[in-house]
């Protein structure tokens, strides 16, 4: 232990014990813990297909998902690498449900045809 005194030379007392708590550096106290249990990218298309089958979704939708993300390098927005492909697949399924409801509504209602006889000669 180093003893700081007013003498011009440093004195080292190797055998002196102290009852004072030792100070420890907290430089790395805020370091993030790395989670090694993250789901990596799928090994192949069959892994994605089995995931979609477990969710009771068609094989064709699994192929669309795999081909889409394979083509863009498993990135979101072209910049952010996908950390959990299963979470992305779940979002894909949710979005597919939204598209089905929107397309079902728009197919039942034909917005371009009307049964009214309009007179376009009348001013608004």
C-alpha atoms as a PDB file:
ATOM      1  CA  UNK A   1       0.000   0.000   0.000  1.00  0.00           C
ATOM      2  CA  UNK A   2       1.295   3.431  -0.869  1.00  0.00           C
ATOM      3  CA  UNK A   3       1.351   6.012   1.868  1.00  0.00           C
ATOM      4  CA  UNK A   4       1.077   9.606   0.745  1.00  0.00           C
ATOM      5  CA  UNK A   5       2.827  11.880   3.168  1.00  0.00           C
ATOM      6  CA  UNK A   6       4.550  15.240   3.102  1.00  0.00           C
ATOM      7  CA  UNK A   7       8.001  13.705   2.858  1.00  0.00           C
ATOM      8  CA  UNK A   8       9.845  14.224  -0.415  1.00  0.00           C
ATOM      9  CA  UNK A   9      10.295  10.488  -0.951  1.00  0.00           C
ATOM     10  CA  UNK A  10       7.736   7.743  -1.264  1.00  0.00           C
ATOM     11  CA  UNK A  11       7.464   5.259   1.559  1.00  0.00           C
ATOM     12  CA  UNK A  12       6.194   1.752   0.875  1.00  0.00           C
ATOM     13  CA  UNK A  13       4.841  -0.229   3.804  1.00  0.00           C
ATOM     14  CA  UNK A  14       4.339  -3.760   2.532  1.00  0.00           C
ATOM     15  CA  UNK A  15       3.171  -5.351   5.760  1.00  0.00           C
ATOM     16  CA  UNK A  16       0.554  -2.809   6.842  1.00  0.00           C
ATOM     17  CA  UNK A  17      -3.089  -3.968   6.625  1.00  0.00           C
ATOM     18  CA  UNK A  18      -5.989  -1.603   6.342  1.00  0.00           C
ATOM     19  CA  UNK A  19      -9.587  -1.733   7.479  1.00  0.00           C
ATOM     20  CA  UNK A  20     -10.607   0.754   4.786  1.00  0.00           C
ATOM     21  CA  UNK A  21     -12.553  -0.506   1.786  1.00  0.00           C
ATOM     22  CA  UNK A  22     -10.494  -0.683  -1.387  1.00  0.00           C
ATOM     23  CA  UNK A  23     -11.574   1.501  -4.274  1.00  0.00           C
ATOM     24  CA  UNK A  24     -12.401  -0.340  -7.469  1.00  0.00           C
ATOM     25  CA  UNK A  25     -12.548   1.268 -10.884  1.00  0.00           C
ATOM     26  CA  UNK A  26     -16.045   1.441 -12.366  1.00  0.00           C
ATOM     27  CA  UNK A  27     -14.909   1.959 -15.943  1.00  0.00           C
ATOM     28  CA  UNK A  28     -16.698  -1.129 -17.329  1.00  0.00           C
ATOM     29  CA  UNK A  29     -19.724  -1.080 -15.032  1.00  0.00           C
ATOM     30  CA  UNK A  30     -22.083   0.169 -17.771  1.00  0.00           C
ATOM     31  CA  UNK A  31     -20.906  -2.335 -20.385  1.00  0.00           C
ATOM     32  CA  UNK A  32     -23.811  -4.155 -22.028  1.00  0.00           C
ATOM     33  CA  UNK A  33     -24.092  -7.857 -21.469  1.00  0.00           C
ATOM     34  CA  UNK A  34     -23.984  -9.789 -24.730  1.00  0.00           C
ATOM     35  CA  UNK A  35     -26.831 -12.264 -25.122  1.00  0.00           C
ATOM     36  CA  UNK A  36     -25.506 -15.340 -26.889  1.00  0.00           C
ATOM     37  CA  UNK A  37     -28.972 -16.940 -27.000  1.00  0.00           C
ATOM     38  CA  UNK A  38     -30.139 -14.783 -29.902  1.00  0.00           C
ATOM     39  CA  UNK A  39     -31.751 -16.532 -32.820  1.00  0.00           C
ATOM     40  CA  UNK A  40     -29.451 -16.268 -35.798  1.00  0.00           C
ATOM     41  CA  UNK A  41     -30.521 -16.163 -39.411  1.00  0.00           C
ATOM     42  CA  UNK A  42     -32.300 -19.257 -40.709  1.00  0.00           C
ATOM     43  CA  UNK A  43     -29.991 -21.984 -41.988  1.00  0.00           C
ATOM     44  CA  UNK A  44     -32.097 -22.673 -45.052  1.00  0.00           C
ATOM     45  CA  UNK A  45     -35.550 -22.311 -46.555  1.00  0.00           C
ATOM     46  CA  UNK A  46     -36.796 -25.497 -44.875  1.00  0.00           C
ATOM     47  CA  UNK A  47     -36.294 -23.964 -41.412  1.00  0.00           C
ATOM     48  CA  UNK A  48     -38.516 -21.030 -42.413  1.00  0.00           C
ATOM     49  CA  UNK A  49     -41.122 -23.359 -43.916  1.00  0.00           C
ATOM     50  CA  UNK A  50     -41.298 -25.429 -40.732  1.00  0.00           C
ATOM     51  CA  UNK A  51     -41.675 -22.237 -38.677  1.00  0.00           C
ATOM     52  CA  UNK A  52     -44.608 -21.108 -40.844  1.00  0.00           C
ATOM     53  CA  UNK A  53     -46.181 -24.580 -40.703  1.00  0.00           C
ATOM     54  CA  UNK A  54     -46.046 -24.466 -36.887  1.00  0.00           C
ATOM     55  CA  UNK A  55     -47.939 -21.171 -37.104  1.00  0.00           C
ATOM     56  CA  UNK A  56     -50.434 -22.833 -39.496  1.00  0.00           C
ATOM     57  CA  UNK A  57     -49.465 -20.644 -42.436  1.00  0.00           C
ATOM     58  CA  UNK A  58     -49.053 -21.808 -46.045  1.00  0.00           C
ATOM     59  CA  UNK A  59     -45.715 -22.901 -47.465  1.00  0.00           C
ATOM     60  CA  UNK A  60     -46.045 -20.330 -50.229  1.00  0.00           C
ATOM     61  CA  UNK A  61     -46.048 -17.499 -47.677  1.00  0.00           C
ATOM     62  CA  UNK A  62     -42.909 -18.930 -46.044  1.00  0.00           C
ATOM     63  CA  UNK A  63     -41.172 -19.005 -49.426  1.00  0.00           C
ATOM     64  CA  UNK A  64     -42.173 -15.384 -50.069  1.00  0.00           C
ATOM     65  CA  UNK A  65     -40.725 -14.378 -46.690  1.00  0.00           C
ATOM     66  CA  UNK A  66     -37.473 -16.280 -47.210  1.00  0.00           C
ATOM     67  CA  UNK A  67     -36.944 -15.054 -50.784  1.00  0.00           C
ATOM     68  CA  UNK A  68     -37.704 -11.450 -49.856  1.00  0.00           C
ATOM     69  CA  UNK A  69     -35.219 -11.249 -46.997  1.00  0.00           C
ATOM     70  CA  UNK A  70     -32.631 -13.391 -48.776  1.00  0.00           C
ATOM     71  CA  UNK A  71     -32.720 -10.944 -51.681  1.00  0.00           C
ATOM     72  CA  UNK A  72     -32.134  -7.884 -49.486  1.00  0.00           C
ATOM     73  CA  UNK A  73     -29.401  -9.467 -47.369  1.00  0.00           C
ATOM     74  CA  UNK A  74     -31.505 -10.031 -44.222  1.00  0.00           C
ATOM     75  CA  UNK A  75     -31.654  -6.300 -43.499  1.00  0.00           C
ATOM     76  CA  UNK A  76     -34.498  -4.005 -42.547  1.00  0.00           C
ATOM     77  CA  UNK A  77     -34.672  -0.831 -44.585  1.00  0.00           C
ATOM     78  CA  UNK A  78     -31.432  -1.776 -46.316  1.00  0.00           C
ATOM     79  CA  UNK A  79     -29.394  -0.755 -43.256  1.00  0.00           C
ATOM     80  CA  UNK A  80     -30.280  -2.599 -40.062  1.00  0.00           C
ATOM     81  CA  UNK A  81     -29.301  -6.253 -39.889  1.00  0.00           C
ATOM     82  CA  UNK A  82     -32.052  -8.584 -38.680  1.00  0.00           C
ATOM     83  CA  UNK A  83     -31.221  -9.910 -35.214  1.00  0.00           C
ATOM     84  CA  UNK A  84     -34.205 -12.241 -34.782  1.00  0.00           C
ATOM     85  CA  UNK A  85     -35.651 -13.666 -37.991  1.00  0.00           C
ATOM     86  CA  UNK A  86     -38.529 -15.352 -36.129  1.00  0.00           C
ATOM     87  CA  UNK A  87     -39.749 -11.982 -34.848  1.00  0.00           C
ATOM     88  CA  UNK A  88     -39.584 -10.672 -38.422  1.00  0.00           C
ATOM     89  CA  UNK A  89     -41.564 -13.707 -39.591  1.00  0.00           C
ATOM     90  CA  UNK A  90     -44.226 -13.028 -36.958  1.00  0.00           C
ATOM     91  CA  UNK A  91     -44.468  -9.416 -38.193  1.00  0.00           C
ATOM     92  CA  UNK A  92     -44.730 -10.737 -41.761  1.00  0.00           C
ATOM     93  CA  UNK A  93     -47.684 -12.903 -40.689  1.00  0.00           C
ATOM     94  CA  UNK A  94     -49.385  -9.958 -38.955  1.00  0.00           C
ATOM     95  CA  UNK A  95     -48.952  -7.755 -42.026  1.00  0.00           C
ATOM     96  CA  UNK A  96     -50.269 -10.530 -44.286  1.00  0.00           C
ATOM     97  CA  UNK A  97     -53.435 -10.628 -42.155  1.00  0.00           C
ATOM     98  CA  UNK A  98     -53.885  -6.870 -42.660  1.00  0.00           C
ATOM     99  CA  UNK A  99     -53.423  -7.184 -46.425  1.00  0.00           C
ATOM    100  CA  UNK A 100     -56.017  -9.972 -46.624  1.00  0.00           C
ATOM    101  CA  UNK A 101     -58.667  -7.883 -44.853  1.00  0.00           C
ATOM    102  CA  UNK A 102     -57.936  -4.812 -46.999  1.00  0.00           C
ATOM    103  CA  UNK A 103     -57.991  -6.750 -50.258  1.00  0.00           C
ATOM    104  CA  UNK A 104     -61.226  -8.540 -49.282  1.00  0.00           C
ATOM    105  CA  UNK A 105     -62.965  -5.202 -48.695  1.00  0.00           C
ATOM    106  CA  UNK A 106     -61.703  -3.631 -51.909  1.00  0.00           C
ATOM    107  CA  UNK A 107     -62.690  -6.667 -54.035  1.00  0.00           C
ATOM    108  CA  UNK A 108     -66.276  -6.667 -52.779  1.00  0.00           C
ATOM    109  CA  UNK A 109     -66.769  -2.992 -53.500  1.00  0.00           C
ATOM    110  CA  UNK A 110     -66.225  -1.784 -57.031  1.00  0.00           C
ATOM    111  CA  UNK A 111     -65.391   1.882 -56.720  1.00  0.00           C
ATOM    112  CA  UNK A 112     -65.227   2.574 -60.457  1.00  0.00           C
ATOM    113  CA  UNK A 113     -68.775   1.575 -61.324  1.00  0.00           C
ATOM    114  CA  UNK A 114     -71.896   3.301 -60.126  1.00  0.00           C
ATOM    115  CA  UNK A 115     -75.582   2.744 -60.645  1.00  0.00           C
ATOM    116  CA  UNK A 116     -76.423   6.437 -60.517  1.00  0.00           C
ATOM    117  CA  UNK A 117     -77.071   8.328 -63.713  1.00  0.00           C
ATOM    118  CA  UNK A 118     -75.000  11.471 -63.421  1.00  0.00           C
ATOM    119  CA  UNK A 119     -75.506  14.613 -65.436  1.00  0.00           C
ATOM    120  CA  UNK A 120     -72.077  16.147 -65.896  1.00  0.00           C
ATOM    121  CA  UNK A 121     -73.649  19.146 -67.660  1.00  0.00           C
ATOM    122  CA  UNK A 122     -74.951  20.460 -64.339  1.00  0.00           C
ATOM    123  CA  UNK A 123     -72.710  22.932 -62.486  1.00  0.00           C
ATOM    124  CA  UNK A 124     -71.390  21.987 -59.070  1.00  0.00           C
END
